[in-house]
Amino acid sequence: MGNHQGNFDIFALTLAIPRLFSWIAKEELFKVPVFGAAMRRAGYIPLDRSDGRKALKSMKQAAERIASGTSVVIFPEGTRTKDGKLLPFKRGAFLLAAKAGVPIVPFTINGSWAINPRNRLELWPGTISVSFGAPIAVKPGAEGELMEQVREAIAARLEVH
């Protein structure tokens, strides 16, 4: 789990993570021609945020993938930042980690927001870095504490100007 700064986060993670991974993305992205089909073929998991039951089904699918050994990237903020700072975390990602019974590896992305801010077409020169924290063990029933631990681990490496 990590922060979500901009459109280049997934590309940066693809280079930073030395193995294949899946990720959970809002369902609307799967409706984009060509892009959506490519995401489905790559095994990415759509999350329908407008319907609680469908969201639960997506989380169950993600938990099954994680339990089978697939790494799944989640941005617990749920959307990209507007100013480079961390947004509040959504609880679902932490419930998923508890259900899958696997540790969370926190990561922090820096620089992506400055290169391509949210809702902007312009691209600016810059460098994107990704740093990883130590895995955090999941304790069932302690999602609030877990959420705070992960947030602190991400924030500790965040460079906000």
Protein backbone atom coordinates (compact mmCIF):
# COMPACT_ATOMS: atom_id res chain seq x y z
CA MET A 1 0.00 0.00 0.00
CA GLY A 2 1.21 3.46 -0.79
CA ASN A 3 0.39 7.04 -1.63
CA HIS A 4 -1.08 8.01 -4.99
CA GLN A 5 0.41 11.14 -6.52
CA GLY A 6 -0.18 11.05 -10.25
CA ASN A 7 -0.72 9.29 -13.54
CA PHE A 8 2.81 7.90 -13.61
CA ASP A 9 2.61 6.02 -10.30
CA ILE A 10 1.83 2.64 -11.87
CA PHE A 11 4.67 3.02 -14.38
CA ALA A 12 7.06 3.89 -11.55
CA LEU A 13 5.89 0.90 -9.52
CA THR A 14 6.30 -1.40 -12.51
CA LEU A 15 9.98 -0.46 -12.54
CA ALA A 16 10.41 -0.50 -8.75
CA ILE A 17 8.73 -3.83 -7.96
CA PRO A 18 10.81 -6.76 -9.27
CA ARG A 19 7.84 -9.06 -9.84
CA LEU A 20 4.45 -9.03 -11.52
CA PHE A 21 1.68 -7.49 -9.50
CA SER A 22 -1.97 -6.74 -9.81
CA TRP A 23 -3.71 -3.63 -8.59
CA ILE A 24 -7.15 -2.51 -7.62
CA ALA A 25 -8.49 0.37 -9.70
CA LYS A 26 -11.76 2.24 -9.87
CA GLU A 27 -14.17 0.57 -12.26
CA GLU A 28 -14.49 3.66 -14.46
CA LEU A 29 -10.92 3.11 -15.73
CA PHE A 30 -11.95 -0.27 -17.14
CA LYS A 31 -14.44 1.51 -19.43
CA VAL A 32 -11.72 3.48 -21.24
CA PRO A 33 -11.31 1.99 -24.74
CA VAL A 34 -8.17 -0.13 -25.20
CA PHE A 35 -6.81 0.86 -21.76
CA GLY A 36 -9.63 -0.93 -19.93
CA ALA A 37 -9.28 -4.10 -21.99
CA ALA A 38 -5.52 -4.12 -21.37
CA MET A 39 -6.11 -3.73 -17.63
CA ARG A 40 -8.50 -6.70 -17.59
CA ARG A 41 -6.06 -8.88 -19.54
CA ALA A 42 -3.29 -7.92 -17.13
CA GLY A 43 -5.39 -9.19 -14.22
CA TYR A 44 -6.14 -5.86 -12.58
CA ILE A 45 -9.15 -5.82 -10.28
CA PRO A 46 -12.02 -3.36 -10.86
CA LEU A 47 -13.59 -1.75 -7.80
CA ASP A 48 -17.11 -0.37 -8.10
CA ARG A 49 -17.12 2.33 -5.42
CA SER A 50 -20.77 3.21 -6.05
CA ASP A 51 -22.10 -0.15 -4.90
CA GLY A 52 -21.07 -1.69 -1.57
CA ARG A 53 -21.92 -5.26 -2.61
CA LYS A 54 -19.89 -5.05 -5.81
CA ALA A 55 -17.01 -3.47 -3.88
CA LEU A 56 -17.10 -6.39 -1.43
CA LYS A 57 -17.01 -8.84 -4.35
CA SER A 58 -13.94 -7.05 -5.76
CA MET A 59 -12.24 -7.20 -2.36
CA LYS A 60 -13.01 -10.92 -2.08
CA GLN A 61 -11.47 -11.47 -5.52
CA ALA A 62 -8.39 -9.50 -4.48
CA ALA A 63 -8.08 -11.48 -1.21
CA GLU A 64 -8.17 -14.74 -3.19
CA ARG A 65 -5.43 -13.50 -5.52
CA ILE A 66 -3.29 -12.37 -2.60
CA ALA A 67 -3.80 -15.68 -0.79
CA SER A 68 -2.62 -17.49 -3.94
CA GLY A 69 0.64 -15.52 -3.92
CA THR A 70 -0.11 -12.54 -6.16
CA SER A 71 1.05 -9.14 -4.97
CA VAL A 72 -1.73 -6.55 -5.15
CA VAL A 73 -1.00 -2.82 -5.07
CA ILE A 74 -3.56 -0.63 -3.36
CA PHE A 75 -3.69 3.12 -2.95
CA PRO A 76 -5.62 3.44 0.35
CA GLU A 77 -6.32 7.13 -0.35
CA GLY A 78 -8.63 5.96 -3.13
CA THR A 79 -7.63 8.76 -5.52
CA ARG A 80 -4.70 10.97 -6.51
CA THR A 81 -3.65 13.84 -4.28
CA LYS A 82 -4.38 17.42 -5.35
CA ASP A 83 -1.38 18.95 -3.59
CA GLY A 84 1.16 16.18 -2.95
CA LYS A 85 -0.02 15.62 0.63
CA LEU A 86 -1.57 12.40 1.92
CA LEU A 87 -5.34 12.17 1.79
CA PRO A 88 -7.39 10.30 4.40
CA PHE A 89 -7.19 6.52 4.02
CA LYS A 90 -10.19 4.37 3.24
CA ARG A 91 -10.79 1.39 5.48
CA GLY A 92 -11.43 -1.24 2.77
CA ALA A 93 -7.79 -1.85 1.93
CA PHE A 94 -7.06 -2.74 5.54
CA LEU A 95 -10.03 -5.07 5.78
CA LEU A 96 -8.69 -6.76 2.63
CA ALA A 97 -5.25 -7.22 4.17
CA ALA A 98 -6.80 -8.74 7.28
CA LYS A 99 -8.96 -11.08 5.17
CA ALA A 100 -5.96 -12.18 3.09
CA GLY A 101 -3.84 -12.60 6.23
CA VAL A 102 -0.70 -11.14 4.69
CA PRO A 103 1.62 -8.34 5.83
CA ILE A 104 1.43 -4.92 4.22
CA VAL A 105 4.52 -3.48 2.57
CA PRO A 106 4.18 0.32 2.66
CA PHE A 107 5.68 2.32 -0.21
CA THR A 108 6.07 6.04 -0.80
CA ILE A 109 6.08 7.68 -4.21
CA ASN A 110 7.76 11.08 -4.53
CA GLY A 111 7.93 13.32 -7.58
CA SER A 112 5.00 12.00 -9.60
CA TRP A 113 2.68 14.80 -8.49
CA ALA A 114 5.13 17.49 -9.67
CA ILE A 115 5.53 15.86 -13.10
CA ASN A 116 1.82 15.55 -13.86
CA PRO A 117 -0.58 17.02 -11.29
CA ARG A 118 -4.10 15.69 -11.02
CA ASN A 119 -6.51 16.87 -13.75
CA ARG A 120 -3.70 18.47 -15.78
CA LEU A 121 -2.43 17.54 -19.23
CA GLU A 122 0.90 19.33 -18.88
CA LEU A 123 4.02 17.32 -18.16
CA TRP A 124 6.94 18.81 -16.26
CA PRO A 125 10.48 17.44 -16.04
CA GLY A 126 11.39 15.69 -12.84
CA THR A 127 12.33 12.50 -11.09
CA ILE A 128 10.03 9.93 -9.53
CA SER A 129 11.30 7.84 -6.64
CA VAL A 130 9.70 4.91 -4.89
CA SER A 131 10.85 3.79 -1.45
CA PHE A 132 9.64 0.79 0.52
CA GLY A 133 9.17 0.36 4.25
CA ALA A 134 9.43 -2.79 6.31
CA PRO A 135 6.47 -5.17 6.10
CA ILE A 136 3.79 -4.54 8.72
CA ALA A 137 2.07 -7.56 10.23
CA VAL A 138 -1.71 -7.64 10.12
CA LYS A 139 -3.59 -8.23 13.37
CA PRO A 140 -7.24 -9.22 12.79
CA GLY A 141 -9.63 -6.76 14.41
CA ALA A 142 -7.03 -3.98 14.67
CA GLU A 143 -7.65 -2.26 11.32
CA GLY A 144 -7.60 1.24 12.84
CA GLU A 145 -4.18 0.70 14.42
CA LEU A 146 -2.93 -0.90 11.21
CA MET A 147 -4.19 2.04 9.15
CA GLU A 148 -2.25 4.45 11.37
CA GLN A 149 0.95 2.35 11.20
CA VAL A 150 0.82 2.21 7.40
CA ARG A 151 0.04 5.94 7.15
CA GLU A 152 3.00 6.79 9.39
CA ALA A 153 5.33 4.56 7.36
CA ILE A 154 4.27 6.23 4.09
CA ALA A 155 4.34 9.76 5.54
CA ALA A 156 7.85 9.27 6.99
CA ARG A 157 9.28 9.07 3.45
CA LEU A 158 7.02 11.66 1.81
CA GLU A 159 8.72 14.79 0.47
CA VAL A 160 6.04 17.51 0.36
CA HIS A 161 7.16 20.98 -0.65
